[in-house]
Protein backbone atom coordinates (compact mmCIF):
# COMPACT_ATOMS: atom_id res chain seq x y z
CA MET A 1 23.48 70.11 -117.08
CA SER A 2 21.10 68.35 -114.73
CA LEU A 3 17.48 67.58 -115.45
CA ALA A 4 14.86 66.84 -112.82
CA ILE A 5 11.73 65.01 -113.97
CA ALA A 6 9.02 63.73 -111.64
CA LEU A 7 9.23 59.96 -111.33
CA ASP A 8 5.59 59.50 -112.28
CA ASP A 9 6.42 61.14 -115.65
CA ILE A 10 8.90 58.37 -116.50
CA GLY A 11 7.99 54.96 -117.88
CA ALA A 12 9.56 52.26 -120.00
CA GLY A 13 8.48 50.02 -122.82
CA ALA A 14 8.68 49.52 -126.54
CA PRO A 15 9.36 52.73 -128.50
CA GLN A 16 6.10 52.22 -130.42
CA GLN A 17 4.17 52.50 -127.14
CA ALA A 18 5.32 56.05 -126.47
CA ALA A 19 2.67 58.74 -126.86
CA ILE A 20 2.95 61.29 -129.67
CA GLY A 21 4.59 64.41 -128.28
CA SER A 22 6.50 62.56 -125.57
CA VAL A 23 10.25 62.20 -125.29
CA ILE A 24 12.01 58.83 -125.40
CA GLY A 25 15.50 57.90 -124.35
CA VAL A 26 17.33 55.05 -126.08
CA VAL A 27 20.82 53.67 -125.57
CA SER A 28 22.99 54.14 -128.65
CA ASP A 29 26.70 53.28 -128.54
CA ARG A 30 26.52 53.18 -124.73
CA ALA A 31 25.15 56.72 -124.58
CA LEU A 32 21.60 57.77 -123.72
CA VAL A 33 20.11 59.59 -126.72
CA PHE A 34 16.83 61.46 -126.45
CA GLY A 35 14.26 61.84 -129.20
CA TRP A 36 10.84 63.42 -129.71
CA VAL A 37 8.04 61.04 -130.68
CA VAL A 38 5.94 62.12 -133.66
CA GLY A 39 3.28 60.26 -135.58
CA GLN A 40 1.36 59.69 -138.74
CA GLY A 41 -2.36 59.04 -138.77
CA GLY A 42 -2.58 59.54 -135.01
CA LEU A 43 -0.15 56.69 -134.27
CA ALA A 44 3.40 56.99 -132.96
CA SER A 45 5.64 56.22 -135.92
CA HIS A 46 8.87 58.26 -135.79
CA ALA A 47 11.37 59.59 -133.26
CA VAL A 48 13.12 62.81 -134.20
CA MET A 49 16.74 62.56 -133.05
CA THR A 50 19.96 64.35 -133.90
CA ASP A 51 22.33 62.31 -136.08
CA GLU A 52 26.15 62.19 -136.01
CA GLN A 53 26.39 65.44 -137.99
CA GLY A 54 24.06 67.25 -135.60
CA THR A 55 21.13 67.31 -138.02
CA PRO A 56 17.64 66.29 -136.89
CA ARG A 57 16.47 63.06 -138.51
CA ALA A 58 13.21 61.17 -138.19
CA TRP A 59 13.84 57.50 -137.38
CA LEU A 60 11.10 54.91 -137.80
CA LEU A 61 10.30 53.57 -134.33
CA ASP A 62 9.98 49.98 -135.51
CA ARG A 63 13.42 50.20 -137.15
CA LEU A 64 15.38 51.59 -134.22
CA GLY A 65 16.49 48.04 -133.46
CA ILE A 66 15.58 48.26 -129.77
CA THR A 67 12.80 46.71 -127.74
CA HIS A 68 12.87 48.99 -124.69
CA ALA A 69 13.07 52.74 -124.32
CA MET A 70 12.58 55.22 -121.51
CA HIS A 71 9.42 57.28 -121.99
CA VAL A 72 8.97 60.79 -120.57
CA ALA A 73 5.33 61.87 -120.47
CA ARG A 74 4.29 64.63 -122.81
CA ARG A 75 2.95 66.74 -119.96
CA ALA A 76 6.61 67.57 -119.26
CA SER A 77 7.41 70.93 -120.85
CA LEU A 78 9.13 71.17 -124.22
CA VAL A 79 10.78 74.52 -124.94
CA LEU A 80 11.53 75.70 -128.49
CA THR A 81 14.45 78.13 -128.84
CA LEU A 82 14.83 80.02 -132.12
CA SER A 83 17.63 82.09 -133.57
CA SER A 84 17.32 84.81 -136.18
CA ASN A 85 19.69 82.90 -138.46
CA GLU A 86 17.39 82.87 -141.48
CA ALA A 87 18.04 80.68 -144.50
CA ASN A 88 17.25 81.65 -148.07
CA PRO A 89 14.66 79.11 -149.28
CA HIS A 90 15.93 79.44 -152.85
CA ALA A 91 19.63 78.97 -151.94
CA ILE A 92 18.98 75.87 -149.85
CA ARG A 93 17.77 73.07 -152.06
CA ASN A 94 17.57 70.72 -149.11
CA HIS A 95 15.75 71.97 -146.00
CA VAL A 96 16.68 68.96 -143.85
CA GLY A 97 17.42 70.11 -140.34
CA CYS A 98 15.87 73.56 -140.73
CA LEU A 99 12.78 74.86 -138.98
CA GLY A 100 10.18 76.55 -141.15
CA LEU A 101 7.64 79.14 -140.04
CA THR A 102 4.69 78.58 -142.37
CA GLN A 103 1.09 79.68 -142.69
CA HIS A 104 0.21 76.40 -140.92
CA GLY A 105 2.60 77.09 -138.03
CA PRO A 106 6.13 75.89 -137.24
CA VAL A 107 7.39 72.75 -138.99
CA VAL A 108 10.76 71.02 -138.91
CA CYS A 109 12.21 69.27 -141.94
CA ALA A 110 13.63 66.33 -140.03
CA GLY A 111 15.18 63.92 -142.46
CA GLU A 112 14.09 62.29 -145.65
CA GLN A 113 11.94 59.34 -146.61
CA ARG A 114 11.40 57.50 -149.88
CA ASP A 115 8.27 58.10 -151.93
CA ALA A 116 6.37 55.50 -153.97
CA TRP A 117 8.97 55.78 -156.76
CA GLY A 118 11.96 55.38 -154.45
CA HIS A 119 13.03 59.04 -154.57
CA LEU A 120 14.16 60.77 -151.37
CA VAL A 121 11.69 63.45 -150.31
CA PRO A 122 11.84 65.76 -147.27
CA LEU A 123 9.84 64.79 -144.17
CA TYR A 124 8.05 67.78 -142.61
CA ILE A 125 6.80 67.52 -139.02
CA ASP A 126 4.34 69.92 -137.37
CA LEU A 127 5.92 71.08 -134.11
CA ARG A 128 2.56 71.79 -132.47
CA SER A 129 0.82 68.48 -133.13
CA GLY A 130 3.77 66.16 -133.74
CA GLU A 131 2.17 64.98 -136.98
CA VAL A 132 3.93 64.36 -140.28
CA ARG A 133 2.79 66.98 -142.83
CA ASP A 134 3.08 65.56 -146.33
CA GLU A 135 1.42 68.56 -147.97
CA MET A 136 4.23 70.88 -146.83
CA ALA A 137 6.42 69.91 -149.78
CA GLN A 138 4.66 72.42 -152.06
CA ALA A 139 4.65 75.20 -149.44
CA ALA A 140 8.35 74.88 -148.52
CA ALA A 141 9.44 77.75 -150.76
CA HIS A 142 6.97 80.11 -149.07
CA ALA A 143 8.19 79.41 -145.52
CA VAL A 144 10.69 81.43 -143.51
CA TRP A 145 13.46 78.90 -142.81
CA LEU A 146 15.64 79.13 -139.70
CA THR A 147 18.90 77.23 -139.59
CA THR A 148 19.52 77.52 -135.85
CA TRP A 149 16.97 76.19 -133.36
CA SER A 150 16.63 73.67 -130.54
CA LEU A 151 13.88 71.77 -128.76
CA SER A 152 14.61 71.17 -125.07
CA LEU A 153 12.91 69.34 -122.22
CA LYS A 154 12.26 71.45 -119.12
CA GLY A 155 12.69 69.58 -115.86
CA ALA A 156 10.97 70.11 -112.52
CA ASP A 157 13.84 72.39 -111.42
CA ASP A 158 13.44 74.52 -114.60
CA GLN A 159 16.71 73.20 -116.05
CA LEU A 160 16.68 72.63 -119.82
CA THR A 161 18.11 69.56 -121.53
CA ARG A 162 18.39 69.77 -125.30
CA ILE A 163 16.52 66.97 -127.05
CA ILE A 164 17.04 67.84 -130.70
CA CYS A 165 18.60 70.80 -132.44
CA ASN A 166 20.13 71.95 -135.66
CA PRO A 167 23.79 72.91 -135.90
CA ASP A 168 24.75 76.47 -136.71
CA TRP A 169 25.71 76.05 -140.36
CA PRO A 170 28.50 78.35 -141.60
CA GLN A 171 27.29 80.67 -144.38
CA ALA A 172 29.34 78.94 -147.12
CA THR A 173 28.06 75.51 -146.14
CA ARG A 174 24.50 76.81 -145.90
CA ASP A 175 24.62 78.24 -149.43
CA GLN A 176 26.00 74.99 -150.84
CA ARG A 177 23.34 72.75 -149.31
């Protein structure tokens, strides 16, 4: 699939210099991997990328181990595609990779981080603002969780390139998570 982006929308620099809501491309194992830049406290802090299992994870920008990344301006269109593959919030103990439709709007549970006591806790990211939402942990059980979704970048020729997505979990695997 081809993707056309205006040249003035593309820049390069340290991952931490990318604007919240923009897309970055980094070279990983000789392949170009795209991620969506999100932030905490108004500063770019994480890139949401799909891991080896196809699950969205939030990687700390300063721990990506790279000094240069390709930046795509946030004025380029991001397109969210949802499926009706709904997850039972009580059957899934771990929402990592799922997209939740909450009273605050759509959030993605994109990986885990350690709290002050060293325990792994889910990391919820607001899809509209690109901000990390710590208070979502208590509201997770009240969200409608979707297991199949993707966030794509729309190029100048209206072609879509998938940036991050969640795999279509088989029912048995979904219930065991």
